Amino acid sequence: MRLKSHIFVASLIRSVFVRGGYAAVLRKGAEEAGAIFIRQRGRSGYETLYAPAPQNFFDDEGDTSRRFEVRLRGAGAEDVERALSSEIRFDPDCWIVELELDDCGNLFDVVDDRG
């Protein structure tokens, strides 16, 4: 059974604060299984947008982990806003979480699509 979205988000926010960063829920989605988008802002002023990874990045049918892909990297705020607006139109039950932290480290799993 996959961890419910609201529990994953609460855990993520707590972990960011422990690291000395700031986190906030910009949009609250479906508590059980809403898709989660993570908007990371760094000191450089640029942003990275993480989106749920496609199913082909999961090991098997029973894999219940949450994995993310980089949708935008080093983008301006306007580009991220446009991408998120499109996602909201497609899935109004999605979550948007904003992190102000330079390094997300191992806060969540990010797939590598270069290999």
PDB file of N, CA and C in Angstrom:
ATOM      1  N   MET A   1       0.833  -1.180   0.000  1.00  0.00           N
ATOM      2  CA  MET A   1       0.000   0.000   0.000  1.00  0.00           C
ATOM      3  C   MET A   1       0.882   1.249   0.000  1.00  0.00           C
ATOM      4  N   ARG A   2       0.591   2.161  -0.889  1.00  0.00           N
ATOM      5  CA  ARG A   2       1.367   3.380  -1.023  1.00  0.00           C
ATOM      6  C   ARG A   2       1.023   4.356   0.108  1.00  0.00           C
ATOM      7  N   LEU A   3       2.038   5.056   0.578  1.00  0.00           N
ATOM      8  CA  LEU A   3       1.858   6.073   1.602  1.00  0.00           C
ATOM      9  C   LEU A   3       0.910   7.154   1.080  1.00  0.00           C
ATOM     10  N   LYS A   4      -0.072   7.518   1.873  1.00  0.00           N
ATOM     11  CA  LYS A   4      -1.050   8.528   1.455  1.00  0.00           C
ATOM     12  C   LYS A   4      -0.352   9.859   1.209  1.00  0.00           C
ATOM     13  N   SER A   5      -0.896  10.609   0.264  1.00  0.00           N
ATOM     14  CA  SER A   5      -0.276  11.867  -0.158  1.00  0.00           C
ATOM     15  C   SER A   5      -0.093  12.836   1.003  1.00  0.00           C
ATOM     16  N   HIS A   6      -1.112  12.984   1.823  1.00  0.00           N
ATOM     17  CA  HIS A   6      -1.004  13.976   2.903  1.00  0.00           C
ATOM     18  C   HIS A   6       0.057  13.579   3.930  1.00  0.00           C
ATOM     19  N   ILE A   7       0.286  12.292   4.119  1.00  0.00           N
ATOM     20  CA  ILE A   7       1.334  11.850   5.042  1.00  0.00           C
ATOM     21  C   ILE A   7       2.707  12.086   4.421  1.00  0.00           C
ATOM     22  N   PHE A   8       2.857  11.780   3.126  1.00  0.00           N
ATOM     23  CA  PHE A   8       4.124  12.025   2.437  1.00  0.00           C
ATOM     24  C   PHE A   8       4.481  13.504   2.497  1.00  0.00           C
ATOM     25  N   VAL A   9       3.506  14.377   2.224  1.00  0.00           N
ATOM     26  CA  VAL A   9       3.750  15.827   2.224  1.00  0.00           C
ATOM     27  C   VAL A   9       4.129  16.304   3.625  1.00  0.00           C
ATOM     28  N   ALA A  10       3.426  15.853   4.643  1.00  0.00           N
ATOM     29  CA  ALA A  10       3.744  16.256   6.013  1.00  0.00           C
ATOM     30  C   ALA A  10       5.162  15.840   6.396  1.00  0.00           C
ATOM     31  N   SER A  11       5.549  14.637   6.009  1.00  0.00           N
ATOM     32  CA  SER A  11       6.888  14.150   6.292  1.00  0.00           C
ATOM     33  C   SER A  11       7.945  14.960   5.543  1.00  0.00           C
ATOM     34  N   LEU A  12       7.668  15.270   4.288  1.00  0.00           N
ATOM     35  CA  LEU A  12       8.595  16.066   3.486  1.00  0.00           C
ATOM     36  C   LEU A  12       8.809  17.444   4.106  1.00  0.00           C
ATOM     37  N   ILE A  13       7.735  18.096   4.499  1.00  0.00           N
ATOM     38  CA  ILE A  13       7.830  19.433   5.094  1.00  0.00           C
ATOM     39  C   ILE A  13       8.628  19.388   6.393  1.00  0.00           C
ATOM     40  N   ARG A  14       8.359  18.404   7.202  1.00  0.00           N
ATOM     41  CA  ARG A  14       9.093  18.266   8.468  1.00  0.00           C
ATOM     42  C   ARG A  14      10.590  18.076   8.204  1.00  0.00           C
ATOM     43  N   SER A  15      10.919  17.255   7.226  1.00  0.00           N
ATOM     44  CA  SER A  15      12.331  17.000   6.892  1.00  0.00           C
ATOM     45  C   SER A  15      13.033  18.256   6.399  1.00  0.00           C
ATOM     46  N   VAL A  16      12.325  19.079   5.637  1.00  0.00           N
ATOM     47  CA  VAL A  16      12.916  20.332   5.137  1.00  0.00           C
ATOM     48  C   VAL A  16      13.223  21.268   6.303  1.00  0.00           C
ATOM     49  N   PHE A  17      12.287  21.401   7.232  1.00  0.00           N
ATOM     50  CA  PHE A  17      12.506  22.261   8.390  1.00  0.00           C
ATOM     51  C   PHE A  17      13.663  21.765   9.250  1.00  0.00           C
ATOM     52  N   VAL A  18      13.809  20.442   9.379  1.00  0.00           N
ATOM     53  CA  VAL A  18      14.918  19.872  10.143  1.00  0.00           C
ATOM     54  C   VAL A  18      16.252  20.273   9.517  1.00  0.00           C
ATOM     55  N   ARG A  19      16.285  20.385   8.189  1.00  0.00           N
ATOM     56  CA  ARG A  19      17.517  20.768   7.483  1.00  0.00           C
ATOM     57  C   ARG A  19      17.740  22.280   7.468  1.00  0.00           C
ATOM     58  N   GLY A  20      16.849  23.033   8.083  1.00  0.00           N
ATOM     59  CA  GLY A  20      17.013  24.483   8.143  1.00  0.00           C
ATOM     60  C   GLY A  20      16.400  25.215   6.972  1.00  0.00           C
ATOM     61  N   GLY A  21      15.610  24.528   6.161  1.00  0.00           N
ATOM     62  CA  GLY A  21      14.950  25.155   5.020  1.00  0.00           C
ATOM     63  C   GLY A  21      13.534  25.571   5.369  1.00  0.00           C
ATOM     64  N   TYR A  22      12.836  25.994   4.362  1.00  0.00           N
ATOM     65  CA  TYR A  22      11.438  26.405   4.514  1.00  0.00           C
ATOM     66  C   TYR A  22      10.603  25.596   3.524  1.00  0.00           C
ATOM     67  N   ALA A  23       9.407  25.221   3.934  1.00  0.00           N
ATOM     68  CA  ALA A  23       8.506  24.474   3.056  1.00  0.00           C
ATOM     69  C   ALA A  23       7.074  24.900   3.332  1.00  0.00           C
ATOM     70  N   ALA A  24       6.261  24.858   2.290  1.00  0.00           N
ATOM     71  CA  ALA A  24       4.845  25.206   2.431  1.00  0.00           C
ATOM     72  C   ALA A  24       4.031  24.459   1.394  1.00  0.00           C
ATOM     73  N   VAL A  25       2.792  24.180   1.744  1.00  0.00           N
ATOM     74  CA  VAL A  25       1.857  23.587   0.797  1.00  0.00           C
ATOM     75  C   VAL A  25       1.179  24.736   0.060  1.00  0.00           C
ATOM     76  N   LEU A  26       1.424  24.836  -1.240  1.00  0.00           N
ATOM     77  CA  LEU A  26       0.804  25.884  -2.054  1.00  0.00           C
ATOM     78  C   LEU A  26      -0.575  25.475  -2.533  1.00  0.00           C
ATOM     79  N   ARG A  27      -0.765  24.173  -2.676  1.00  0.00           N
ATOM     80  CA  ARG A  27      -2.060  23.642  -3.127  1.00  0.00           C
ATOM     81  C   ARG A  27      -2.256  22.278  -2.495  1.00  0.00           C
ATOM     82  N   LYS A  28      -3.353  22.147  -1.797  1.00  0.00           N
ATOM     83  CA  LYS A  28      -3.668  20.878  -1.145  1.00  0.00           C
ATOM     84  C   LYS A  28      -4.538  20.057  -2.084  1.00  0.00           C
ATOM     85  N   GLY A  29      -4.103  18.841  -2.352  1.00  0.00           N
ATOM     86  CA  GLY A  29      -4.829  17.963  -3.264  1.00  0.00           C
ATOM     87  C   GLY A  29      -5.570  16.871  -2.520  1.00  0.00           C
ATOM     88  N   ALA A  30      -5.876  15.822  -3.233  1.00  0.00           N
ATOM     89  CA  ALA A  30      -6.572  14.678  -2.654  1.00  0.00           C
ATOM     90  C   ALA A  30      -5.686  14.032  -1.590  1.00  0.00           C
ATOM     91  N   GLU A  31      -6.235  13.832  -0.405  1.00  0.00           N
ATOM     92  CA  GLU A  31      -5.442  13.318   0.715  1.00  0.00           C
ATOM     93  C   GLU A  31      -4.947  11.902   0.504  1.00  0.00           C
ATOM     94  N   GLU A  32      -5.735  11.078  -0.152  1.00  0.00           N
ATOM     95  CA  GLU A  32      -5.375   9.673  -0.309  1.00  0.00           C
ATOM     96  C   GLU A  32      -4.303   9.452  -1.375  1.00  0.00           C
ATOM     97  N   ALA A  33      -4.535   9.963  -2.575  1.00  0.00           N
ATOM     98  CA  ALA A  33      -3.647   9.606  -3.688  1.00  0.00           C
ATOM     99  C   ALA A  33      -3.429  10.734  -4.679  1.00  0.00           C
ATOM    100  N   GLY A  34      -3.473  11.974  -4.238  1.00  0.00           N
ATOM    101  CA  GLY A  34      -3.231  13.086  -5.148  1.00  0.00           C
ATOM    102  C   GLY A  34      -1.786  13.114  -5.619  1.00  0.00           C
ATOM    103  N   ALA A  35      -1.591  13.457  -6.885  1.00  0.00           N
ATOM    104  CA  ALA A  35      -0.234  13.597  -7.427  1.00  0.00           C
ATOM    105  C   ALA A  35       0.454  14.758  -6.721  1.00  0.00           C
ATOM    106  N   ILE A  36       1.753  14.629  -6.490  1.00  0.00           N
ATOM    107  CA  ILE A  36       2.510  15.651  -5.762  1.00  0.00           C
ATOM    108  C   ILE A  36       3.552  16.266  -6.690  1.00  0.00           C
ATOM    109  N   PHE A  37       3.538  17.590  -6.772  1.00  0.00           N
ATOM    110  CA  PHE A  37       4.541  18.346  -7.517  1.00  0.00           C
ATOM    111  C   PHE A  37       5.345  19.152  -6.511  1.00  0.00           C
ATOM    112  N   ILE A  38       6.660  19.132  -6.661  1.00  0.00           N
ATOM    113  CA  ILE A  38       7.544  19.814  -5.724  1.00  0.00           C
ATOM    114  C   ILE A  38       8.268  20.935  -6.456  1.00  0.00           C
ATOM    115  N   ARG A  39       8.091  22.131  -5.942  1.00  0.00           N
ATOM    116  CA  ARG A  39       8.705  23.334  -6.512  1.00  0.00           C
ATOM    117  C   ARG A  39       9.843  23.742  -5.579  1.00  0.00           C
ATOM    118  N   GLN A  40      11.072  23.586  -6.044  1.00  0.00           N
ATOM    119  CA  GLN A  40      12.235  23.905  -5.221  1.00  0.00           C
ATOM    120  C   GLN A  40      12.825  25.240  -5.670  1.00  0.00           C
ATOM    121  N   ARG A  41      12.948  26.151  -4.713  1.00  0.00           N
ATOM    122  CA  ARG A  41      13.598  27.442  -4.980  1.00  0.00           C
ATOM    123  C   ARG A  41      14.933  27.467  -4.253  1.00  0.00           C
ATOM    124  N   GLY A  42      15.948  27.887  -4.984  1.00  0.00           N
ATOM    125  CA  GLY A  42      17.276  28.012  -4.392  1.00  0.00           C
ATOM    126  C   GLY A  42      17.662  29.464  -4.256  1.00  0.00           C
ATOM    127  N   ARG A  43      18.791  29.703  -3.636  1.00  0.00           N
ATOM    128  CA  ARG A  43      19.268  31.081  -3.451  1.00  0.00           C
ATOM    129  C   ARG A  43      19.610  31.767  -4.765  1.00  0.00           C
ATOM    130  N   SER A  44      19.849  30.997  -5.788  1.00  0.00           N
ATOM    131  CA  SER A  44      20.211  31.565  -7.090  1.00  0.00           C
ATOM    132  C   SER A  44      19.055  32.303  -7.750  1.00  0.00           C
ATOM    133  N   GLY A  45      17.833  32.047  -7.268  1.00  0.00           N
ATOM    134  CA  GLY A  45      16.657  32.658  -7.878  1.00  0.00           C
ATOM    135  C   GLY A  45      15.992  31.753  -8.897  1.00  0.00           C
ATOM    136  N   TYR A  46      16.686  30.702  -9.291  1.00  0.00           N
ATOM    137  CA  TYR A  46      16.114  29.761 -10.241  1.00  0.00           C
ATOM    138  C   TYR A  46      15.420  28.629  -9.503  1.00  0.00           C
ATOM    139  N   GLU A  47      14.564  27.914 -10.218  1.00  0.00           N
ATOM    140  CA  GLU A  47      13.754  26.883  -9.594  1.00  0.00           C
ATOM    141  C   GLU A  47      13.893  25.551 -10.323  1.00  0.00           C
ATOM    142  N   THR A  48      13.576  24.500  -9.582  1.00  0.00           N
ATOM    143  CA  THR A  48      13.487  23.153 -10.140  1.00  0.00           C
ATOM    144  C   THR A  48      12.091  22.637  -9.829  1.00  0.00           C
ATOM    145  N   LEU A  49      11.452  22.045 -10.821  1.00  0.00           N
ATOM    146  CA  LEU A  49      10.131  21.472 -10.628  1.00  0.00           C
ATOM    147  C   LEU A  49      10.230  19.961 -10.754  1.00  0.00           C
ATOM    148  N   TYR A  50       9.807  19.274  -9.702  1.00  0.00           N
ATOM    149  CA  TYR A  50       9.771  17.821  -9.685  1.00  0.00           C
ATOM    150  C   TYR A  50       8.328  17.376  -9.858  1.00  0.00           C
ATOM    151  N   ALA A  51       8.128  16.369 -10.683  1.00  0.00           N
ATOM    152  CA  ALA A  51       6.796  15.834 -10.957  1.00  0.00           C
ATOM    153  C   ALA A  51       6.823  14.323 -10.718  1.00  0.00           C
ATOM    154  N   PRO A  52       5.649  13.711 -10.522  1.00  0.00           N
ATOM    155  CA  PRO A  52       5.636  12.251 -10.358  1.00  0.00           C
ATOM    156  C   PRO A  52       6.281  11.566 -11.562  1.00  0.00           C
ATOM    157  N   ALA A  53       7.118  10.588 -11.278  1.00  0.00           N
ATOM    158  CA  ALA A  53       7.806   9.866 -12.350  1.00  0.00           C
ATOM    159  C   ALA A  53       6.823   8.966 -13.098  1.00  0.00           C
ATOM    160  N   PRO A  54       7.052   8.778 -14.395  1.00  0.00           N
ATOM    161  CA  PRO A  54       6.216   7.848 -15.172  1.00  0.00           C
ATOM    162  C   PRO A  54       6.349   6.424 -14.640  1.00  0.00           C
ATOM    163  N   GLN A  55       5.347   5.608 -14.895  1.00  0.00           N
ATOM    164  CA  GLN A  55       5.305   4.244 -14.371  1.00  0.00           C
ATOM    165  C   GLN A  55       6.476   3.372 -14.825  1.00  0.00           C
ATOM    166  N   ASN A  56       7.082   3.667 -15.969  1.00  0.00           N
ATOM    167  CA  ASN A  56       8.183   2.814 -16.435  1.00  0.00           C
ATOM    168  C   ASN A  56       9.437   2.934 -15.559  1.00  0.00           C
ATOM    169  N   PHE A  57       9.458   3.855 -14.612  1.00  0.00           N
ATOM    170  CA  PHE A  57      10.589   3.976 -13.700  1.00  0.00           C
ATOM    171  C   PHE A  57      10.405   3.159 -12.423  1.00  0.00           C
ATOM    172  N   PHE A  58       9.311   2.424 -12.325  1.00  0.00           N
ATOM    173  CA  PHE A  58       9.062   1.618 -11.146  1.00  0.00           C
ATOM    174  C   PHE A  58       9.470   0.183 -11.429  1.00  0.00           C
ATOM    175  N   ASP A  59       9.991  -0.486 -10.423  1.00  0.00           N
ATOM    176  CA  ASP A  59      10.552  -1.826 -10.585  1.00  0.00           C
ATOM    177  C   ASP A  59       9.515  -2.873 -10.974  1.00  0.00           C
ATOM    178  N   ASP A  60       8.397  -2.891 -10.285  1.00  0.00           N
ATOM    179  CA  ASP A  60       7.370  -3.885 -10.575  1.00  0.00           C
ATOM    180  C   ASP A  60       6.002  -3.358 -10.167  1.00  0.00           C
ATOM    181  N   GLU A  61       4.978  -4.152 -10.404  1.00  0.00           N
ATOM    182  CA  GLU A  61       3.612  -3.732 -10.098  1.00  0.00           C
ATOM    183  C   GLU A  61       3.394  -3.467  -8.621  1.00  0.00           C
ATOM    184  N   GLY A  62       4.100  -4.167  -7.758  1.00  0.00           N
ATOM    185  CA  GLY A  62       3.922  -4.007  -6.321  1.00  0.00           C
ATOM    186  C   GLY A  62       4.728  -2.865  -5.720  1.00  0.00           C
ATOM    187  N   ASP A  63       5.481  -2.145  -6.532  1.00  0.00           N
ATOM    188  CA  ASP A  63       6.311  -1.042  -6.045  1.00  0.00           C
ATOM    189  C   ASP A  63       5.406   0.104  -5.583  1.00  0.00           C
ATOM    190  N   THR A  64       5.463   0.435  -4.316  1.00  0.00           N
ATOM    191  CA  THR A  64       4.577   1.462  -3.762  1.00  0.00           C
ATOM    192  C   THR A  64       5.310   2.756  -3.419  1.00  0.00           C
ATOM    193  N   SER A  65       6.565   2.867  -3.803  1.00  0.00           N
ATOM    194  CA  SER A  65       7.323   4.071  -3.478  1.00  0.00           C
ATOM    195  C   SER A  65       6.862   5.258  -4.326  1.00  0.00           C
ATOM    196  N   ARG A  66       7.201   6.438  -3.879  1.00  0.00           N
ATOM    197  CA  ARG A  66       6.937   7.656  -4.663  1.00  0.00           C
ATOM    198  C   ARG A  66       8.265   8.089  -5.262  1.00  0.00           C
ATOM    199  N   ARG A  67       8.266   8.235  -6.563  1.00  0.00           N
ATOM    200  CA  ARG A  67       9.462   8.682  -7.268  1.00  0.00           C
ATOM    201  C   ARG A  67       9.104   9.902  -8.097  1.00  0.00           C
ATOM    202  N   PHE A  68      10.093  10.746  -8.301  1.00  0.00           N
ATOM    203  CA  PHE A  68       9.878  11.990  -9.019  1.00  0.00           C
ATOM    204  C   PHE A  68      10.877  12.115 -10.159  1.00  0.00           C
ATOM    205  N   GLU A  69      10.497  12.897 -11.152  1.00  0.00           N
ATOM    206  CA  GLU A  69      11.396  13.238 -12.246  1.00  0.00           C
ATOM    207  C   GLU A  69      11.551  14.751 -12.259  1.00  0.00           C
ATOM    208  N   VAL A  70      12.665  15.204 -12.782  1.00  0.00           N
ATOM    209  CA  VAL A  70      12.863  16.647 -12.930  1.00  0.00           C
ATOM    210  C   VAL A  70      12.105  17.080 -14.171  1.00  0.00           C
ATOM    211  N   ARG A  71      11.134  17.930 -13.999  1.00  0.00           N
ATOM    212  CA  ARG A  71      10.358  18.445 -15.125  1.00  0.00           C
ATOM    213  C   ARG A  71      11.001  19.721 -15.662  1.00  0.00           C
ATOM    214  N   LEU A  72      11.470  20.594 -14.774  1.00  0.00           N
ATOM    215  CA  LEU A  72      12.182  21.813 -15.156  1.00  0.00           C
ATOM    216  C   LEU A  72      13.358  21.992 -14.204  1.00  0.00           C
ATOM    217  N   ARG A  73      14.495  22.414 -14.748  1.00  0.00           N
ATOM    218  CA  ARG A  73      15.672  22.672 -13.906  1.00  0.00           C
ATOM    219  C   ARG A  73      16.253  24.023 -14.299  1.00  0.00           C
ATOM    220  N   GLY A  74      16.588  24.831 -13.309  1.00  0.00           N
ATOM    221  CA  GLY A  74      17.166  26.146 -13.578  1.00  0.00           C
ATOM    222  C   GLY A  74      16.197  27.064 -14.305  1.00  0.00           C
ATOM    223  N   ALA A  75      14.926  26.924 -14.003  1.00  0.00           N
ATOM    224  CA  ALA A  75      13.872  27.687 -14.695  1.00  0.00           C
ATOM    225  C   ALA A  75      13.506  28.942 -13.915  1.00  0.00           C
ATOM    226  N   GLY A  76      12.922  29.873 -14.623  1.00  0.00           N
ATOM    227  CA  GLY A  76      12.390  31.064 -13.989  1.00  0.00           C
ATOM    228  C   GLY A  76      11.027  30.777 -13.379  1.00  0.00           C
ATOM    229  N   ALA A  77      10.611  31.641 -12.473  1.00  0.00           N
ATOM    230  CA  ALA A  77       9.334  31.453 -11.773  1.00  0.00           C
ATOM    231  C   ALA A  77       8.157  31.403 -12.745  1.00  0.00           C
ATOM    232  N   GLU A  78       8.203  32.204 -13.816  1.00  0.00           N
ATOM    233  CA  GLU A  78       7.097  32.236 -14.779  1.00  0.00           C
ATOM    234  C   GLU A  78       6.939  30.895 -15.494  1.00  0.00           C
ATOM    235  N   ASP A  79       8.059  30.280 -15.840  1.00  0.00           N
ATOM    236  CA  ASP A  79       8.012  28.973 -16.504  1.00  0.00           C
ATOM    237  C   ASP A  79       7.433  27.900 -15.588  1.00  0.00           C
ATOM    238  N   VAL A  80       7.812  27.957 -14.331  1.00  0.00           N
ATOM    239  CA  VAL A  80       7.291  26.985 -13.363  1.00  0.00           C
ATOM    240  C   VAL A  80       5.791  27.209 -13.162  1.00  0.00           C
ATOM    241  N   GLU A  81       5.381  28.465 -13.058  1.00  0.00           N
ATOM    242  CA  GLU A  81       3.949  28.784 -12.905  1.00  0.00           C
ATOM    243  C   GLU A  81       3.141  28.248 -14.085  1.00  0.00           C
ATOM    244  N   ARG A  82       3.652  28.432 -15.298  1.00  0.00           N
ATOM    245  CA  ARG A  82       2.969  27.938 -16.493  1.00  0.00           C
ATOM    246  C   ARG A  82       2.823  26.422 -16.464  1.00  0.00           C
ATOM    247  N   ALA A  83       3.900  25.743 -16.100  1.00  0.00           N
ATOM    248  CA  ALA A  83       3.871  24.277 -16.048  1.00  0.00           C
ATOM    249  C   ALA A  83       2.884  23.794 -14.988  1.00  0.00           C
ATOM    250  N   LEU A  84       2.875  24.438 -13.843  1.00  0.00           N
ATOM    251  CA  LEU A  84       1.962  24.026 -12.779  1.00  0.00           C
ATOM    252  C   LEU A  84       0.513  24.325 -13.132  1.00  0.00           C
ATOM    253  N   SER A  85       0.261  25.434 -13.794  1.00  0.00           N
ATOM    254  CA  SER A  85      -1.104  25.752 -14.227  1.00  0.00           C
ATOM    255  C   SER A  85      -1.629  24.684 -15.175  1.00  0.00           C
ATOM    256  N   SER A  86      -0.771  24.225 -16.050  1.00  0.00           N
ATOM    257  CA  SER A  86      -1.151  23.161 -16.978  1.00  0.00           C
ATOM    258  C   SER A  86      -1.464  21.869 -16.227  1.00  0.00           C
ATOM    259  N   GLU A  87      -0.647  21.541 -15.240  1.00  0.00           N
ATOM    260  CA  GLU A  87      -0.871  20.327 -14.453  1.00  0.00           C
ATOM    261  C   GLU A  87      -2.177  20.410 -13.668  1.00  0.00           C
ATOM    262  N   ILE A  88      -2.489  21.583 -13.126  1.00  0.00           N
ATOM    263  CA  ILE A  88      -3.727  21.759 -12.358  1.00  0.00           C
ATOM    264  C   ILE A  88      -4.944  21.586 -13.259  1.00  0.00           C
ATOM    265  N   ARG A  89      -4.867  22.091 -14.488  1.00  0.00           N
ATOM    266  CA  ARG A  89      -5.980  21.892 -15.427  1.00  0.00           C
ATOM    267  C   ARG A  89      -6.184  20.414 -15.727  1.00  0.00           C
ATOM    268  N   PHE A  90      -5.079  19.692 -15.832  1.00  0.00           N
ATOM    269  CA  PHE A  90      -5.140  18.255 -16.126  1.00  0.00           C
ATOM    270  C   PHE A  90      -5.601  17.455 -14.907  1.00  0.00           C
ATOM    271  N   ASP A  91      -5.118  17.828 -13.722  1.00  0.00           N
ATOM    272  CA  ASP A  91      -5.415  17.088 -12.489  1.00  0.00           C
ATOM    273  C   ASP A  91      -5.687  18.068 -11.349  1.00  0.00           C
ATOM    274  N   PRO A  92      -6.941  18.470 -11.158  1.00  0.00           N
ATOM    275  CA  PRO A  92      -7.255  19.443 -10.112  1.00  0.00           C
ATOM    276  C   PRO A  92      -7.055  18.914  -8.688  1.00  0.00           C
ATOM    277  N   ASP A  93      -6.799  17.615  -8.521  1.00  0.00           N
ATOM    278  CA  ASP A  93      -6.576  17.042  -7.190  1.00  0.00           C
ATOM    279  C   ASP A  93      -5.096  16.950  -6.821  1.00  0.00           C
ATOM    280  N   CYS A  94      -4.234  17.616  -7.574  1.00  0.00           N
ATOM    281  CA  CYS A  94      -2.799  17.514  -7.309  1.00  0.00           C
ATOM    282  C   CYS A  94      -2.373  18.420  -6.148  1.00  0.00           C
ATOM    283  N   TRP A  95      -1.261  18.059  -5.566  1.00  0.00           N
ATOM    284  CA  TRP A  95      -0.617  18.841  -4.509  1.00  0.00           C
ATOM    285  C   TRP A  95       0.529  19.641  -5.121  1.00  0.00           C
ATOM    286  N   ILE A  96       0.776  20.815  -4.576  1.00  0.00           N
ATOM    287  CA  ILE A  96       1.968  21.580  -4.941  1.00  0.00           C
ATOM    288  C   ILE A  96       2.648  21.984  -3.637  1.00  0.00           C
ATOM    289  N   VAL A  97       3.891  21.541  -3.499  1.00  0.00           N
ATOM    290  CA  VAL A  97       4.673  21.822  -2.307  1.00  0.00           C
ATOM    291  C   VAL A  97       5.877  22.649  -2.725  1.00  0.00           C
ATOM    292  N   GLU A  98       6.101  23.739  -2.009  1.00  0.00           N
ATOM    293  CA  GLU A  98       7.238  24.603  -2.311  1.00  0.00           C
ATOM    294  C   GLU A  98       8.303  24.419  -1.251  1.00  0.00           C
ATOM    295  N   LEU A  99       9.541  24.241  -1.700  1.00  0.00           N
ATOM    296  CA  LEU A  99      10.682  24.107  -0.806  1.00  0.00           C
ATOM    297  C   LEU A  99      11.652  25.245  -1.080  1.00  0.00           C
ATOM    298  N   GLU A 100      12.145  25.857  -0.040  1.00  0.00           N
ATOM    299  CA  GLU A 100      13.227  26.824  -0.167  1.00  0.00           C
ATOM    300  C   GLU A 100      14.429  26.199   0.501  1.00  0.00           C
ATOM    301  N   LEU A 101      15.221  25.560  -0.342  1.00  0.00           N
ATOM    302  CA  LEU A 101      16.346  24.761   0.118  1.00  0.00           C
ATOM    303  C   LEU A 101      17.270  24.574  -1.083  1.00  0.00           C
ATOM    304  N   ASP A 102      18.561  24.803  -0.893  1.00  0.00           N
ATOM    305  CA  ASP A 102      19.477  24.675  -2.029  1.00  0.00           C
ATOM    306  C   ASP A 102      19.694  23.231  -2.455  1.00  0.00           C
ATOM    307  N   ASP A 103      19.703  22.310  -1.510  1.00  0.00           N
ATOM    308  CA  ASP A 103      19.978  20.914  -1.843  1.00  0.00           C
ATOM    309  C   ASP A 103      18.900  20.026  -1.233  1.00  0.00           C
ATOM    310  N   CYS A 104      18.157  19.350  -2.083  1.00  0.00           N
ATOM    311  CA  CYS A 104      17.117  18.432  -1.602  1.00  0.00           C
ATOM    312  C   CYS A 104      17.713  17.116  -1.148  1.00  0.00           C
ATOM    313  N   GLY A 105      18.962  16.878  -1.523  1.00  0.00           N
ATOM    314  CA  GLY A 105      19.651  15.670  -1.083  1.00  0.00           C
ATOM    315  C   GLY A 105      18.825  14.425  -1.273  1.00  0.00           C
ATOM    316  N   ASN A 106      18.578  13.726  -0.186  1.00  0.00           N
ATOM    317  CA  ASN A 106      17.824  12.478  -0.259  1.00  0.00           C
ATOM    318  C   ASN A 106      16.431  12.638   0.367  1.00  0.00           C
ATOM    319  N   LEU A 107      15.822  13.795   0.241  1.00  0.00           N
ATOM    320  CA  LEU A 107      14.481  14.005   0.778  1.00  0.00           C
ATOM    321  C   LEU A 107      13.424  13.166   0.077  1.00  0.00           C
ATOM    322  N   PHE A 108      13.642  12.912  -1.215  1.00  0.00           N
ATOM    323  CA  PHE A 108      12.713  12.092  -2.003  1.00  0.00           C
ATOM    324  C   PHE A 108      13.490  11.478  -3.153  1.00  0.00           C
ATOM    325  N   ASP A 109      12.944  10.406  -3.724  1.00  0.00           N
ATOM    326  CA  ASP A 109      13.619   9.687  -4.801  1.00  0.00           C
ATOM    327  C   ASP A 109      13.401  10.394  -6.137  1.00  0.00           C
ATOM    328  N   VAL A 110      14.507  10.669  -6.815  1.00  0.00           N
ATOM    329  CA  VAL A 110      14.465  11.280  -8.143  1.00  0.00           C
ATOM    330  C   VAL A 110      15.051  10.287  -9.131  1.00  0.00           C
ATOM    331  N   VAL A 111      14.288   9.978 -10.180  1.00  0.00           N
ATOM    332  CA  VAL A 111      14.762   9.033 -11.193  1.00  0.00           C
ATOM    333  C   VAL A 111      15.764   9.725 -12.109  1.00  0.00           C
ATOM    334  N   ASP A 112      16.650   8.943 -12.647  1.00  0.00           N
ATOM    335  CA  ASP A 112      17.657   9.450 -13.576  1.00  0.00           C
ATOM    336  C   ASP A 112      17.253   9.026 -14.977  1.00  0.00           C
ATOM    337  N   ASP A 113      16.829   9.963 -15.791  1.00  0.00           N
ATOM    338  CA  ASP A 113      16.368   9.639 -17.142  1.00  0.00           C
ATOM    339  C   ASP A 113      17.488   9.748 -18.183  1.00  0.00           C
ATOM    340  N   ARG A 114      18.716   9.957 -17.736  1.00  0.00           N
ATOM    341  CA  ARG A 114      19.837  10.096 -18.673  1.00  0.00           C
ATOM    342  C   ARG A 114      20.412   8.752 -19.084  1.00  0.00           C
ATOM    343  N   GLY A 115      20.112   7.720 -18.279  1.00  0.00           N
ATOM    344  CA  GLY A 115      20.734   6.431 -18.551  1.00  0.00           C
ATOM    345  C   GLY A 115      19.860   5.595 -19.382  1.00  0.00           C
TER     346      GLY A 115
END
